Amino acid sequence: MGIEQLMGKLGRSDVTVILKVDDERMAEGGESLTLVMSGPGPGEQGFVRAESSSLTDCPEQGFMRLRARSGDWEWMTEI
């Protein structure tokens, strides 16, 4: 599944996705990426957050946490 398909499917599932790159944390050698997914889709808590310094690892962490929530996230096993 491509990024365009993924973002479209998440949007249709009531999930807003924000991926942030923090230049200050990057300069300090910290976890410079933050992925936040919010909205009605992620359930009662209302959001999922993941942090990492790896562009591959950060979304994987977030998607794993979203799949652990209640709801129809079975299609995310394709990612």
C-alpha atoms as a PDB file:
ATOM      1  CA  MET A   1       0.000   0.000   0.000  1.00  0.00           C
ATOM      2  CA  GLY A   2       1.404   3.393  -0.976  1.00  0.00           C
ATOM      3  CA  ILE A   3       1.511   6.444   1.261  1.00  0.00           C
ATOM      4  CA  GLU A   4      -1.337   8.135  -0.637  1.00  0.00           C
ATOM      5  CA  GLN A   5      -3.601   5.092  -0.226  1.00  0.00           C
ATOM      6  CA  LEU A   6      -2.627   4.756   3.437  1.00  0.00           C
ATOM      7  CA  MET A   7      -3.356   8.390   4.284  1.00  0.00           C
ATOM      8  CA  GLY A   8      -6.653   8.243   2.391  1.00  0.00           C
ATOM      9  CA  LYS A   9      -7.739   5.103   4.207  1.00  0.00           C
ATOM     10  CA  LEU A  10      -6.763   6.537   7.605  1.00  0.00           C
ATOM     11  CA  GLY A  11      -8.678   9.735   6.834  1.00  0.00           C
ATOM     12  CA  ARG A  12     -11.782   7.760   5.875  1.00  0.00           C
ATOM     13  CA  SER A  13     -11.372   5.886   9.196  1.00  0.00           C
ATOM     14  CA  ASP A  14     -11.656   9.193  11.147  1.00  0.00           C
ATOM     15  CA  VAL A  15      -7.921   9.433  11.871  1.00  0.00           C
ATOM     16  CA  THR A  16      -5.921  12.657  11.518  1.00  0.00           C
ATOM     17  CA  VAL A  17      -2.195  11.988  11.051  1.00  0.00           C
ATOM     18  CA  ILE A  18       0.628  14.418  11.826  1.00  0.00           C
ATOM     19  CA  LEU A  19       4.313  13.582  11.378  1.00  0.00           C
ATOM     20  CA  LYS A  20       6.620  16.181  12.915  1.00  0.00           C
ATOM     21  CA  VAL A  21      10.383  16.572  12.494  1.00  0.00           C
ATOM     22  CA  ASP A  22      11.918  18.528  15.385  1.00  0.00           C
ATOM     23  CA  ASP A  23      15.179  20.173  14.328  1.00  0.00           C
ATOM     24  CA  GLU A  24      16.183  21.020  17.918  1.00  0.00           C
ATOM     25  CA  ARG A  25      15.829  17.429  19.084  1.00  0.00           C
ATOM     26  CA  MET A  26      17.625  16.306  15.912  1.00  0.00           C
ATOM     27  CA  ALA A  27      20.578  18.599  16.729  1.00  0.00           C
ATOM     28  CA  GLU A  28      20.702  17.141  20.251  1.00  0.00           C
ATOM     29  CA  GLY A  29      20.716  13.584  18.882  1.00  0.00           C
ATOM     30  CA  GLY A  30      17.303  12.825  20.370  1.00  0.00           C
ATOM     31  CA  GLU A  31      14.165  11.284  18.946  1.00  0.00           C
ATOM     32  CA  SER A  32      13.537  13.878  16.273  1.00  0.00           C
ATOM     33  CA  LEU A  33      10.326  12.398  14.817  1.00  0.00           C
ATOM     34  CA  THR A  34       6.890  12.419  16.404  1.00  0.00           C
ATOM     35  CA  LEU A  35       3.846  10.748  14.860  1.00  0.00           C
ATOM     36  CA  VAL A  36       0.449  11.659  16.278  1.00  0.00           C
ATOM     37  CA  MET A  37      -2.815  10.111  15.123  1.00  0.00           C
ATOM     38  CA  SER A  38      -5.959  11.662  16.575  1.00  0.00           C
ATOM     39  CA  GLY A  39      -9.697  11.906  16.082  1.00  0.00           C
ATOM     40  CA  PRO A  40     -12.592   9.548  16.716  1.00  0.00           C
ATOM     41  CA  GLY A  41     -10.858   6.644  14.951  1.00  0.00           C
ATOM     42  CA  PRO A  42      -8.251   5.860  17.621  1.00  0.00           C
ATOM     43  CA  GLY A  43     -10.952   5.280  20.225  1.00  0.00           C
ATOM     44  CA  GLU A  44     -11.697   6.624  23.698  1.00  0.00           C
ATOM     45  CA  GLN A  45      -8.214   7.957  24.431  1.00  0.00           C
ATOM     46  CA  GLY A  46      -8.487   9.968  21.226  1.00  0.00           C
ATOM     47  CA  PHE A  47      -4.881   9.807  20.086  1.00  0.00           C
ATOM     48  CA  VAL A  48      -1.872   7.610  19.415  1.00  0.00           C
ATOM     49  CA  ARG A  49       1.658   8.985  19.761  1.00  0.00           C
ATOM     50  CA  ALA A  50       5.015   7.520  18.754  1.00  0.00           C
ATOM     51  CA  GLU A  51       8.513   9.013  18.880  1.00  0.00           C
ATOM     52  CA  SER A  52      11.698   7.834  17.220  1.00  0.00           C
ATOM     53  CA  SER A  53      14.772   9.015  15.353  1.00  0.00           C
ATOM     54  CA  SER A  54      14.002   6.616  12.481  1.00  0.00           C
ATOM     55  CA  LEU A  55      11.542   7.475   9.707  1.00  0.00           C
ATOM     56  CA  THR A  56      10.788   3.765   9.353  1.00  0.00           C
ATOM     57  CA  ASP A  57      10.439   3.001  13.054  1.00  0.00           C
ATOM     58  CA  CYS A  58       8.270   5.973  14.070  1.00  0.00           C
ATOM     59  CA  PRO A  59       5.266   5.160  11.825  1.00  0.00           C
ATOM     60  CA  GLU A  60       5.644   1.424  12.535  1.00  0.00           C
ATOM     61  CA  GLN A  61       5.372   2.116  16.281  1.00  0.00           C
ATOM     62  CA  GLY A  62       2.336   4.326  15.768  1.00  0.00           C
ATOM     63  CA  PHE A  63       0.563   1.860  13.476  1.00  0.00           C
ATOM     64  CA  MET A  64       1.266  -0.987  15.910  1.00  0.00           C
ATOM     65  CA  ARG A  65      -0.328   1.051  18.716  1.00  0.00           C
ATOM     66  CA  LEU A  66      -3.332   1.906  16.540  1.00  0.00           C
ATOM     67  CA  ARG A  67      -3.830  -1.770  15.611  1.00  0.00           C
ATOM     68  CA  ALA A  68      -3.893  -2.584  19.353  1.00  0.00           C
ATOM     69  CA  ARG A  69      -6.944  -0.314  19.783  1.00  0.00           C
ATOM     70  CA  SER A  70     -10.495  -1.488  19.402  1.00  0.00           C
ATOM     71  CA  GLY A  71     -11.957  -1.007  15.968  1.00  0.00           C
ATOM     72  CA  ASP A  72     -11.510  -2.308  12.453  1.00  0.00           C
ATOM     73  CA  TRP A  73      -7.746  -2.019  12.002  1.00  0.00           C
ATOM     74  CA  GLU A  74      -7.193  -5.466  10.464  1.00  0.00           C
ATOM     75  CA  TRP A  75      -6.466  -3.857   7.084  1.00  0.00           C
ATOM     76  CA  MET A  76      -3.366  -2.281   8.630  1.00  0.00           C
ATOM     77  CA  THR A  77      -1.612  -5.648   8.680  1.00  0.00           C
ATOM     78  CA  GLU A  78      -0.903  -4.902   4.977  1.00  0.00           C
ATOM     79  CA  ILE A  79       1.431  -2.084   6.056  1.00  0.00           C
END
